[in-house]
């Protein structure tokens, strides 16, 4: 049975300084994650509002023509 040799894979032992220092990676992941979640929530709210308008127009017998009562020119 073969034994795994870390030396053959290029693995090196860390010194004390390398064990303490860490690289935190890209600091932009948090704002990007927040923007993604906010966009997903906004998209879901927009979809629900459009769906509600559509079904309300079907129930009233009027077909939705793109206008929203109470908004727009009077």
PDB file of N, CA and C in Angstrom:
ATOM      1  N   UNK A   1       0.843  -1.173   0.000  1.00  0.00           N
ATOM      2  CA  UNK A   1       0.000   0.000   0.000  1.00  0.00           C
ATOM      3  C   UNK A   1       0.892   1.242   0.000  1.00  0.00           C
ATOM      4  N   UNK A   2       0.543   2.207  -0.856  1.00  0.00           N
ATOM      5  CA  UNK A   2       1.340   3.427  -0.944  1.00  0.00           C
ATOM      6  C   UNK A   2       1.048   4.322   0.249  1.00  0.00           C
ATOM      7  N   UNK A   3       2.084   5.018   0.701  1.00  0.00           N
ATOM      8  CA  UNK A   3       1.925   5.997   1.778  1.00  0.00           C
ATOM      9  C   UNK A   3       1.984   7.393   1.160  1.00  0.00           C
ATOM     10  N   UNK A   4       1.151   8.280   1.675  1.00  0.00           N
ATOM     11  CA  UNK A   4       1.111   9.654   1.195  1.00  0.00           C
ATOM     12  C   UNK A   4       2.311  10.414   1.751  1.00  0.00           C
ATOM     13  N   UNK A   5       3.107  10.973   0.887  1.00  0.00           N
ATOM     14  CA  UNK A   5       4.257  11.759   1.311  1.00  0.00           C
ATOM     15  C   UNK A   5       3.985  13.224   0.993  1.00  0.00           C
ATOM     16  N   UNK A   6       3.856  14.042   2.038  1.00  0.00           N
ATOM     17  CA  UNK A   6       3.580  15.459   1.833  1.00  0.00           C
ATOM     18  C   UNK A   6       4.738  16.175   1.164  1.00  0.00           C
ATOM     19  N   UNK A   7       5.956  15.673   1.349  1.00  0.00           N
ATOM     20  CA  UNK A   7       7.112  16.288   0.690  1.00  0.00           C
ATOM     21  C   UNK A   7       7.001  16.177  -0.822  1.00  0.00           C
ATOM     22  N   UNK A   8       6.471  15.078  -1.315  1.00  0.00           N
ATOM     23  CA  UNK A   8       6.303  14.906  -2.763  1.00  0.00           C
ATOM     24  C   UNK A   8       5.258  15.856  -3.327  1.00  0.00           C
ATOM     25  N   UNK A   9       4.349  16.353  -2.460  1.00  0.00           N
ATOM     26  CA  UNK A   9       3.301  17.269  -2.904  1.00  0.00           C
ATOM     27  C   UNK A   9       3.689  18.732  -2.750  1.00  0.00           C
ATOM     28  N   UNK A  10       4.903  18.997  -2.260  1.00  0.00           N
ATOM     29  CA  UNK A  10       5.375  20.368  -2.114  1.00  0.00           C
ATOM     30  C   UNK A  10       4.907  21.052  -0.843  1.00  0.00           C
ATOM     31  N   UNK A  11       4.444  20.289   0.148  1.00  0.00           N
ATOM     32  CA  UNK A  11       3.986  20.866   1.406  1.00  0.00           C
ATOM     33  C   UNK A  11       5.195  21.187   2.263  1.00  0.00           C
ATOM     34  N   UNK A  12       5.200  22.389   2.839  1.00  0.00           N
ATOM     35  CA  UNK A  12       6.307  22.814   3.693  1.00  0.00           C
ATOM     36  C   UNK A  12       5.773  23.155   5.078  1.00  0.00           C
ATOM     37  N   UNK A  13       6.623  22.980   6.067  1.00  0.00           N
ATOM     38  CA  UNK A  13       6.243  23.306   7.434  1.00  0.00           C
ATOM     39  C   UNK A  13       6.277  24.820   7.615  1.00  0.00           C
ATOM     40  N   UNK A  14       5.294  25.360   8.350  1.00  0.00           N
ATOM     41  CA  UNK A  14       5.238  26.786   8.613  1.00  0.00           C
ATOM     42  C   UNK A  14       6.157  27.143   9.762  1.00  0.00           C
ATOM     43  N   UNK A  15       6.765  28.332   9.665  1.00  0.00           N
ATOM     44  CA  UNK A  15       7.515  28.801  10.829  1.00  0.00           C
ATOM     45  C   UNK A  15       6.549  29.554  11.750  1.00  0.00           C
ATOM     46  N   UNK A  16       7.023  29.993  12.912  1.00  0.00           N
ATOM     47  CA  UNK A  16       6.160  30.616  13.914  1.00  0.00           C
ATOM     48  C   UNK A  16       5.498  31.887  13.380  1.00  0.00           C
ATOM     49  N   UNK A  17       6.200  32.686  12.602  1.00  0.00           N
ATOM     50  CA  UNK A  17       5.647  33.928  12.052  1.00  0.00           C
ATOM     51  C   UNK A  17       4.511  33.634  11.085  1.00  0.00           C
ATOM     52  N   UNK A  18       4.667  32.634  10.253  1.00  0.00           N
ATOM     53  CA  UNK A  18       3.624  32.278   9.291  1.00  0.00           C
ATOM     54  C   UNK A  18       2.389  31.715   9.979  1.00  0.00           C
ATOM     55  N   UNK A  19       2.565  31.077  11.127  1.00  0.00           N
ATOM     56  CA  UNK A  19       1.418  30.540  11.847  1.00  0.00           C
ATOM     57  C   UNK A  19       0.568  31.647  12.452  1.00  0.00           C
ATOM     58  N   UNK A  20       1.178  32.786  12.796  1.00  0.00           N
ATOM     59  CA  UNK A  20       0.451  33.895  13.416  1.00  0.00           C
ATOM     60  C   UNK A  20      -0.214  34.754  12.350  1.00  0.00           C
ATOM     61  N   UNK A  21       0.467  35.026  11.252  1.00  0.00           N
ATOM     62  CA  UNK A  21      -0.061  35.885  10.201  1.00  0.00           C
ATOM     63  C   UNK A  21      -1.106  35.128   9.381  1.00  0.00           C
ATOM     64  N   UNK A  22      -2.204  35.797   9.132  1.00  0.00           N
ATOM     65  CA  UNK A  22      -3.227  35.215   8.266  1.00  0.00           C
ATOM     66  C   UNK A  22      -3.624  36.242   7.227  1.00  0.00           C
ATOM     67  N   UNK A  23      -3.998  35.774   6.091  1.00  0.00           N
ATOM     68  CA  UNK A  23      -4.476  36.639   5.023  1.00  0.00           C
ATOM     69  C   UNK A  23      -5.993  36.541   5.025  1.00  0.00           C
ATOM     70  N   UNK A  24      -6.653  37.662   5.265  1.00  0.00           N
ATOM     71  CA  UNK A  24      -8.110  37.665   5.394  1.00  0.00           C
ATOM     72  C   UNK A  24      -8.846  37.524   4.083  1.00  0.00           C
ATOM     73  N   UNK A  25      -8.172  37.557   2.996  1.00  0.00           N
ATOM     74  CA  UNK A  25      -8.840  37.428   1.707  1.00  0.00           C
ATOM     75  C   UNK A  25      -9.360  38.772   1.219  1.00  0.00           C
ATOM     76  N   UNK A  26     -10.285  38.731   0.288  1.00  0.00           N
ATOM     77  CA  UNK A  26     -10.833  39.924  -0.328  1.00  0.00           C
ATOM     78  C   UNK A  26     -11.820  40.590   0.625  1.00  0.00           C
ATOM     79  N   UNK A  27     -11.611  41.872   0.978  1.00  0.00           N
ATOM     80  CA  UNK A  27     -12.523  42.537   1.913  1.00  0.00           C
ATOM     81  C   UNK A  27     -13.846  42.954   1.276  1.00  0.00           C
ATOM     82  N   UNK A  28     -14.003  42.779  -0.025  1.00  0.00           N
ATOM     83  CA  UNK A  28     -15.232  43.211  -0.696  1.00  0.00           C
ATOM     84  C   UNK A  28     -16.330  42.156  -0.688  1.00  0.00           C
ATOM     85  N   UNK A  29     -16.087  40.993  -0.098  1.00  0.00           N
ATOM     86  CA  UNK A  29     -17.109  39.957  -0.139  1.00  0.00           C
ATOM     87  C   UNK A  29     -18.327  40.344   0.686  1.00  0.00           C
ATOM     88  N   UNK A  30     -18.146  41.037   1.807  1.00  0.00           N
ATOM     89  CA  UNK A  30     -19.283  41.398   2.652  1.00  0.00           C
ATOM     90  C   UNK A  30     -20.210  42.402   1.964  1.00  0.00           C
ATOM     91  N   UNK A  31     -19.710  43.520   1.428  1.00  0.00           N
ATOM     92  CA  UNK A  31     -20.623  44.423   0.712  1.00  0.00           C
ATOM     93  C   UNK A  31     -21.281  43.756  -0.493  1.00  0.00           C
ATOM     94  N   UNK A  32     -20.559  42.897  -1.169  1.00  0.00           N
ATOM     95  CA  UNK A  32     -21.145  42.202  -2.317  1.00  0.00           C
ATOM     96  C   UNK A  32     -22.261  41.262  -1.864  1.00  0.00           C
ATOM     97  N   UNK A  33     -22.054  40.584  -0.756  1.00  0.00           N
ATOM     98  CA  UNK A  33     -23.083  39.678  -0.236  1.00  0.00           C
ATOM     99  C   UNK A  33     -24.314  40.463   0.206  1.00  0.00           C
ATOM    100  N   UNK A  34     -24.099  41.602   0.857  1.00  0.00           N
ATOM    101  CA  UNK A  34     -25.228  42.433   1.295  1.00  0.00           C
ATOM    102  C   UNK A  34     -25.999  42.965   0.091  1.00  0.00           C
ATOM    103  N   UNK A  35     -25.288  43.412  -0.944  1.00  0.00           N
ATOM    104  CA  UNK A  35     -25.950  43.911  -2.155  1.00  0.00           C
ATOM    105  C   UNK A  35     -26.737  42.801  -2.839  1.00  0.00           C
ATOM    106  N   UNK A  36     -26.193  41.603  -2.866  1.00  0.00           N
ATOM    107  CA  UNK A  36     -26.893  40.481  -3.484  1.00  0.00           C
ATOM    108  C   UNK A  36     -28.179  40.163  -2.727  1.00  0.00           C
ATOM    109  N   UNK A  37     -28.106  40.119  -1.414  1.00  0.00           N
ATOM    110  CA  UNK A  37     -29.288  39.805  -0.604  1.00  0.00           C
ATOM    111  C   UNK A  37     -30.338  40.909  -0.739  1.00  0.00           C
ATOM    112  N   UNK A  38     -29.900  42.183  -0.716  1.00  0.00           N
ATOM    113  CA  UNK A  38     -30.838  43.296  -0.880  1.00  0.00           C
ATOM    114  C   UNK A  38     -31.515  43.238  -2.246  1.00  0.00           C
ATOM    115  N   UNK A  39     -30.762  42.917  -3.273  1.00  0.00           N
ATOM    116  CA  UNK A  39     -31.347  42.788  -4.617  1.00  0.00           C
ATOM    117  C   UNK A  39     -32.344  41.651  -4.703  1.00  0.00           C
ATOM    118  N   UNK A  40     -32.026  40.553  -4.041  1.00  0.00           N
ATOM    119  CA  UNK A  40     -32.953  39.417  -4.048  1.00  0.00           C
ATOM    120  C   UNK A  40     -34.250  39.771  -3.330  1.00  0.00           C
ATOM    121  N   UNK A  41     -34.149  40.492  -2.218  1.00  0.00           N
ATOM    122  CA  UNK A  41     -35.355  40.900  -1.486  1.00  0.00           C
ATOM    123  C   UNK A  41     -36.173  41.883  -2.317  1.00  0.00           C
ATOM    124  N   UNK A  42     -35.507  42.881  -2.917  1.00  0.00           N
ATOM    125  CA  UNK A  42     -36.212  43.862  -3.745  1.00  0.00           C
ATOM    126  C   UNK A  42     -36.877  43.187  -4.945  1.00  0.00           C
ATOM    127  N   UNK A  43     -36.198  42.243  -5.550  1.00  0.00           N
ATOM    128  CA  UNK A  43     -36.785  41.518  -6.671  1.00  0.00           C
ATOM    129  C   UNK A  43     -38.001  40.717  -6.242  1.00  0.00           C
ATOM    130  N   UNK A  44     -37.929  40.099  -5.082  1.00  0.00           N
ATOM    131  CA  UNK A  44     -39.064  39.327  -4.577  1.00  0.00           C
ATOM    132  C   UNK A  44     -40.256  40.208  -4.271  1.00  0.00           C
ATOM    133  N   UNK A  45     -40.010  41.382  -3.681  1.00  0.00           N
ATOM    134  CA  UNK A  45     -41.096  42.315  -3.377  1.00  0.00           C
ATOM    135  C   UNK A  45     -41.738  42.812  -4.669  1.00  0.00           C
ATOM    136  N   UNK A  46     -40.916  43.155  -5.648  1.00  0.00           N
ATOM    137  CA  UNK A  46     -41.441  43.621  -6.935  1.00  0.00           C
ATOM    138  C   UNK A  46     -42.273  42.541  -7.614  1.00  0.00           C
ATOM    139  N   UNK A  47     -41.790  41.311  -7.576  1.00  0.00           N
ATOM    140  CA  UNK A  47     -42.528  40.203  -8.180  1.00  0.00           C
ATOM    141  C   UNK A  47     -43.869  40.001  -7.481  1.00  0.00           C
ATOM    142  N   UNK A  48     -43.871  40.036  -6.150  1.00  0.00           N
ATOM    143  CA  UNK A  48     -45.117  39.845  -5.405  1.00  0.00           C
ATOM    144  C   UNK A  48     -46.119  40.958  -5.703  1.00  0.00           C
ATOM    145  N   UNK A  49     -45.637  42.205  -5.822  1.00  0.00           N
ATOM    146  CA  UNK A  49     -46.534  43.313  -6.128  1.00  0.00           C
ATOM    147  C   UNK A  49     -47.135  43.161  -7.524  1.00  0.00           C
ATOM    148  N   UNK A  50     -46.325  42.788  -8.493  1.00  0.00           N
ATOM    149  CA  UNK A  50     -46.829  42.602  -9.856  1.00  0.00           C
ATOM    150  C   UNK A  50     -47.830  41.452  -9.911  1.00  0.00           C
ATOM    151  N   UNK A  51     -47.547  40.384  -9.183  1.00  0.00           N
ATOM    152  CA  UNK A  51     -48.455  39.233  -9.154  1.00  0.00           C
ATOM    153  C   UNK A  51     -49.780  39.623  -8.508  1.00  0.00           C
ATOM    154  N   UNK A  52     -49.723  40.402  -7.437  1.00  0.00           N
ATOM    155  CA  UNK A  52     -50.952  40.836  -6.765  1.00  0.00           C
ATOM    156  C   UNK A  52     -51.795  41.708  -7.685  1.00  0.00           C
ATOM    157  N   UNK A  53     -51.152  42.630  -8.407  1.00  0.00           N
ATOM    158  CA  UNK A  53     -51.893  43.462  -9.362  1.00  0.00           C
ATOM    159  C   UNK A  53     -52.525  42.622 -10.458  1.00  0.00           C
ATOM    160  N   UNK A  54     -51.800  41.654 -10.942  1.00  0.00           N
ATOM    161  CA  UNK A  54     -52.321  40.802 -12.011  1.00  0.00           C
ATOM    162  C   UNK A  54     -53.539  40.018 -11.545  1.00  0.00           C
ATOM    163  N   UNK A  55     -53.437  39.380 -10.387  1.00  0.00           N
ATOM    164  CA  UNK A  55     -54.564  38.580  -9.899  1.00  0.00           C
ATOM    165  C   UNK A  55     -55.742  39.453  -9.489  1.00  0.00           C
ATOM    166  N   UNK A  56     -55.472  40.663  -8.996  1.00  0.00           N
ATOM    167  CA  UNK A  56     -56.564  41.579  -8.670  1.00  0.00           C
ATOM    168  C   UNK A  56     -57.316  41.977  -9.932  1.00  0.00           C
ATOM    169  N   UNK A  57     -56.605  42.164 -11.020  1.00  0.00           N
ATOM    170  CA  UNK A  57     -57.271  42.521 -12.267  1.00  0.00           C
ATOM    171  C   UNK A  57     -58.077  41.355 -12.811  1.00  0.00           C
ATOM    172  N   UNK A  58     -57.601  40.142 -12.616  1.00  0.00           N
ATOM    173  CA  UNK A  58     -58.368  38.985 -13.068  1.00  0.00           C
ATOM    174  C   UNK A  58     -59.646  38.815 -12.259  1.00  0.00           C
ATOM    175  N   UNK A  59     -59.553  39.027 -10.950  1.00  0.00           N
ATOM    176  CA  UNK A  59     -60.723  38.871 -10.088  1.00  0.00           C
ATOM    177  C   UNK A  59     -61.767  39.950 -10.342  1.00  0.00           C
ATOM    178  N   UNK A  60     -61.338  41.153 -10.694  1.00  0.00           N
ATOM    179  CA  UNK A  60     -62.286  42.246 -10.919  1.00  0.00           C
ATOM    180  C   UNK A  60     -62.897  42.190 -12.315  1.00  0.00           C
ATOM    181  N   UNK A  61     -62.370  41.360 -13.168  1.00  0.00           N
ATOM    182  CA  UNK A  61     -62.881  41.277 -14.528  1.00  0.00           C
ATOM    183  C   UNK A  61     -62.241  42.280 -15.461  1.00  0.00           C
ATOM    184  N   UNK A  62     -61.502  43.217 -14.925  1.00  0.00           N
ATOM    185  CA  UNK A  62     -60.795  44.197 -15.751  1.00  0.00           C
ATOM    186  C   UNK A  62     -59.400  43.676 -16.014  1.00  0.00           C
ATOM    187  N   UNK A  63     -58.954  43.834 -17.217  1.00  0.00           N
ATOM    188  CA  UNK A  63     -57.602  43.402 -17.526  1.00  0.00           C
ATOM    189  C   UNK A  63     -56.629  44.504 -17.152  1.00  0.00           C
ATOM    190  N   UNK A  64     -55.523  44.128 -16.596  1.00  0.00           N
ATOM    191  CA  UNK A  64     -54.520  45.096 -16.158  1.00  0.00           C
ATOM    192  C   UNK A  64     -53.939  45.801 -17.370  1.00  0.00           C
ATOM    193  N   UNK A  65     -54.042  47.148 -17.358  1.00  0.00           N
ATOM    194  CA  UNK A  65     -53.573  47.921 -18.499  1.00  0.00           C
ATOM    195  C   UNK A  65     -52.282  48.688 -18.209  1.00  0.00           C
ATOM    196  N   UNK A  66     -51.651  48.423 -17.099  1.00  0.00           N
ATOM    197  CA  UNK A  66     -50.382  49.059 -16.788  1.00  0.00           C
ATOM    198  C   UNK A  66     -50.511  50.230 -15.832  1.00  0.00           C
ATOM    199  N   UNK A  67     -51.741  50.699 -15.576  1.00  0.00           N
ATOM    200  CA  UNK A  67     -51.896  51.823 -14.649  1.00  0.00           C
ATOM    201  C   UNK A  67     -52.253  51.311 -13.263  1.00  0.00           C
ATOM    202  N   UNK A  68     -51.881  52.088 -12.280  1.00  0.00           N
ATOM    203  CA  UNK A  68     -52.168  51.748 -10.893  1.00  0.00           C
ATOM    204  C   UNK A  68     -53.096  52.821 -10.357  1.00  0.00           C
ATOM    205  N   UNK A  69     -54.253  52.443  -9.810  1.00  0.00           N
ATOM    206  CA  UNK A  69     -55.179  53.455  -9.292  1.00  0.00           C
ATOM    207  C   UNK A  69     -54.505  54.291  -8.196  1.00  0.00           C
ATOM    208  N   UNK A  70     -54.713  55.606  -8.284  1.00  0.00           N
ATOM    209  CA  UNK A  70     -54.146  56.509  -7.288  1.00  0.00           C
ATOM    210  C   UNK A  70     -52.799  57.071  -7.687  1.00  0.00           C
ATOM    211  N   UNK A  71     -52.217  56.590  -8.766  1.00  0.00           N
ATOM    212  CA  UNK A  71     -50.926  57.075  -9.208  1.00  0.00           C
ATOM    213  C   UNK A  71     -51.062  57.623 -10.620  1.00  0.00           C
ATOM    214  N   UNK A  72     -50.161  58.511 -10.979  1.00  0.00           N
ATOM    215  CA  UNK A  72     -50.141  59.044 -12.331  1.00  0.00           C
ATOM    216  C   UNK A  72     -50.912  60.335 -12.445  1.00  0.00           C
ATOM    217  N   UNK A  73     -51.113  60.852 -13.671  1.00  0.00           N
ATOM    218  CA  UNK A  73     -51.798  62.127 -13.885  1.00  0.00           C
ATOM    219  C   UNK A  73     -53.263  62.028 -13.501  1.00  0.00           C
ATOM    220  N   UNK A  74     -53.780  63.162 -13.009  1.00  0.00           N
ATOM    221  CA  UNK A  74     -55.204  63.199 -12.603  1.00  0.00           C
ATOM    222  C   UNK A  74     -55.959  64.169 -13.440  1.00  0.00           C
TER     223      UNK A  74
END
